C-alpha atoms as a PDB file:
ATOM      1  CA  UNK A   1     -72.733 -25.190 -39.039  1.00  0.00           C
ATOM      2  CA  UNK A   2     -71.890 -28.295 -37.315  1.00  0.00           C
ATOM      3  CA  UNK A   3     -72.028 -31.223 -39.395  1.00  0.00           C
ATOM      4  CA  UNK A   4     -71.502 -35.200 -38.465  1.00  0.00           C
ATOM      5  CA  UNK A   5     -69.973 -37.295 -40.980  1.00  0.00           C
ATOM      6  CA  UNK A   6     -73.294 -38.920 -41.789  1.00  0.00           C
ATOM      7  CA  UNK A   7     -74.776 -35.763 -43.156  1.00  0.00           C
ATOM      8  CA  UNK A   8     -76.613 -34.704 -40.254  1.00  0.00           C
ATOM      9  CA  UNK A   9     -76.489 -30.909 -39.370  1.00  0.00           C
ATOM     10  CA  UNK A  10     -76.847 -29.425 -36.182  1.00  0.00           C
ATOM     11  CA  UNK A  11     -78.686 -26.362 -35.198  1.00  0.00           C
ATOM     12  CA  UNK A  12     -76.359 -23.396 -34.654  1.00  0.00           C
ATOM     13  CA  UNK A  13     -75.198 -22.246 -31.406  1.00  0.00           C
ATOM     14  CA  UNK A  14     -76.629 -18.891 -31.686  1.00  0.00           C
ATOM     15  CA  UNK A  15     -80.224 -19.494 -32.530  1.00  0.00           C
ATOM     16  CA  UNK A  16     -81.099 -15.994 -33.067  1.00  0.00           C
ATOM     17  CA  UNK A  17     -80.992 -15.877 -36.909  1.00  0.00           C
ATOM     18  CA  UNK A  18     -82.805 -19.098 -36.858  1.00  0.00           C
ATOM     19  CA  UNK A  19     -85.457 -17.820 -34.587  1.00  0.00           C
ATOM     20  CA  UNK A  20     -85.914 -14.794 -37.090  1.00  0.00           C
ATOM     21  CA  UNK A  21     -86.487 -17.173 -40.067  1.00  0.00           C
ATOM     22  CA  UNK A  22     -88.728 -19.383 -38.197  1.00  0.00           C
ATOM     23  CA  UNK A  23     -90.754 -16.198 -37.333  1.00  0.00           C
ATOM     24  CA  UNK A  24     -90.817 -15.172 -40.870  1.00  0.00           C
ATOM     25  CA  UNK A  25     -91.997 -18.693 -42.084  1.00  0.00           C
ATOM     26  CA  UNK A  26     -94.698 -18.616 -39.645  1.00  0.00           C
ATOM     27  CA  UNK A  27     -96.147 -15.162 -41.381  1.00  0.00           C
ATOM     28  CA  UNK A  28     -95.278 -16.344 -44.809  1.00  0.00           C
ATOM     29  CA  UNK A  29     -97.246 -19.660 -45.371  1.00  0.00           C
ATOM     30  CA  UNK A  30     -96.792 -19.663 -49.288  1.00  0.00           C
ATOM     31  CA  UNK A  31     -93.470 -20.559 -50.906  1.00  0.00           C
ATOM     32  CA  UNK A  32     -91.133 -17.596 -51.956  1.00  0.00           C
ATOM     33  CA  UNK A  33     -88.201 -17.246 -53.967  1.00  0.00           C
ATOM     34  CA  UNK A  34     -84.523 -18.078 -53.766  1.00  0.00           C
ATOM     35  CA  UNK A  35     -82.383 -15.206 -54.401  1.00  0.00           C
ATOM     36  CA  UNK A  36     -78.739 -15.976 -55.623  1.00  0.00           C
ATOM     37  CA  UNK A  37     -75.684 -13.956 -54.859  1.00  0.00           C
ATOM     38  CA  UNK A  38     -75.790 -12.415 -58.657  1.00  0.00           C
ATOM     39  CA  UNK A  39     -79.804 -11.288 -58.112  1.00  0.00           C
ATOM     40  CA  UNK A  40     -81.226 -14.233 -60.002  1.00  0.00           C
ATOM     41  CA  UNK A  41     -84.458 -15.294 -58.679  1.00  0.00           C
ATOM     42  CA  UNK A  42     -86.284 -18.637 -58.906  1.00  0.00           C
ATOM     43  CA  UNK A  43     -89.247 -19.882 -57.156  1.00  0.00           C
ATOM     44  CA  UNK A  44     -89.166 -22.656 -54.641  1.00  0.00           C
ATOM     45  CA  UNK A  45     -91.427 -25.457 -55.159  1.00  0.00           C
ATOM     46  CA  UNK A  46     -94.299 -26.133 -52.625  1.00  0.00           C
ATOM     47  CA  UNK A  47     -92.506 -29.372 -51.800  1.00  0.00           C
ATOM     48  CA  UNK A  48     -89.223 -27.848 -51.253  1.00  0.00           C
ATOM     49  CA  UNK A  49     -90.672 -25.092 -49.089  1.00  0.00           C
ATOM     50  CA  UNK A  50     -92.351 -27.734 -46.735  1.00  0.00           C
ATOM     51  CA  UNK A  51     -89.180 -29.560 -46.286  1.00  0.00           C
ATOM     52  CA  UNK A  52     -87.556 -26.173 -45.643  1.00  0.00           C
ATOM     53  CA  UNK A  53     -90.406 -25.429 -42.955  1.00  0.00           C
ATOM     54  CA  UNK A  54     -90.017 -28.749 -41.232  1.00  0.00           C
ATOM     55  CA  UNK A  55     -85.926 -28.127 -40.957  1.00  0.00           C
ATOM     56  CA  UNK A  56     -86.297 -24.824 -39.768  1.00  0.00           C
ATOM     57  CA  UNK A  57     -88.809 -25.787 -37.226  1.00  0.00           C
ATOM     58  CA  UNK A  58     -86.884 -28.877 -36.109  1.00  0.00           C
ATOM     59  CA  UNK A  59     -83.706 -26.786 -35.727  1.00  0.00           C
ATOM     60  CA  UNK A  60     -85.458 -23.849 -33.515  1.00  0.00           C
ATOM     61  CA  UNK A  61     -86.453 -27.114 -31.275  1.00  0.00           C
ATOM     62  CA  UNK A  62     -82.715 -27.829 -30.735  1.00  0.00           C
ATOM     63  CA  UNK A  63     -82.769 -30.920 -32.829  1.00  0.00           C
ATOM     64  CA  UNK A  64     -80.315 -32.338 -35.307  1.00  0.00           C
ATOM     65  CA  UNK A  65     -81.486 -32.616 -39.182  1.00  0.00           C
ATOM     66  CA  UNK A  66     -80.626 -35.038 -41.995  1.00  0.00           C
ATOM     67  CA  UNK A  67     -82.397 -35.187 -44.997  1.00  0.00           C
ATOM     68  CA  UNK A  68     -82.341 -38.547 -46.982  1.00  0.00           C
ATOM     69  CA  UNK A  69     -84.187 -39.970 -49.916  1.00  0.00           C
ATOM     70  CA  UNK A  70     -86.789 -42.070 -49.322  1.00  0.00           C
ATOM     71  CA  UNK A  71     -85.336 -45.085 -51.296  1.00  0.00           C
ATOM     72  CA  UNK A  72     -82.241 -44.662 -48.930  1.00  0.00           C
ATOM     73  CA  UNK A  73     -81.846 -48.122 -46.926  1.00  0.00           C
ATOM     74  CA  UNK A  74     -79.797 -48.736 -43.986  1.00  0.00           C
ATOM     75  CA  UNK A  75     -78.671 -51.855 -42.253  1.00  0.00           C
ATOM     76  CA  UNK A  76     -79.788 -52.158 -38.659  1.00  0.00           C
ATOM     77  CA  UNK A  77     -76.155 -51.320 -37.782  1.00  0.00           C
ATOM     78  CA  UNK A  78     -76.027 -48.185 -39.833  1.00  0.00           C
ATOM     79  CA  UNK A  79     -79.427 -47.071 -38.319  1.00  0.00           C
ATOM     80  CA  UNK A  80     -77.991 -47.632 -34.784  1.00  0.00           C
ATOM     81  CA  UNK A  81     -74.923 -45.655 -35.654  1.00  0.00           C
ATOM     82  CA  UNK A  82     -76.821 -43.106 -37.276  1.00  0.00           C
ATOM     83  CA  UNK A  83     -79.366 -42.486 -34.233  1.00  0.00           C
ATOM     84  CA  UNK A  84     -76.120 -42.572 -31.988  1.00  0.00           C
ATOM     85  CA  UNK A  85     -74.477 -39.503 -33.885  1.00  0.00           C
ATOM     86  CA  UNK A  86     -77.763 -37.586 -34.260  1.00  0.00           C
ATOM     87  CA  UNK A  87     -78.044 -37.847 -30.598  1.00  0.00           C
ATOM     88  CA  UNK A  88     -78.010 -34.840 -28.244  1.00  0.00           C
ATOM     89  CA  UNK A  89     -74.615 -32.984 -28.479  1.00  0.00           C
ATOM     90  CA  UNK A  90     -72.449 -32.896 -25.390  1.00  0.00           C
END
């Protein structure tokens, strides 16, 4: 997973697994469970599931992702730097 210094995550180069996940999420619209490596399960809150759906959809479209708290404020220079680093990868 490629990640820039500012927390931006780019979609994987191989989108096959992401496409499988996107198809799964299209067929299952209700939140499910998060399964830990030890078998522990915890339900995903609907809000978290909604964010996950949006992240998967954007990455499926080849877009970079950054999830920020709504209260985070950026200066105009920080916003410009963020947008520049989140632009298309070469």
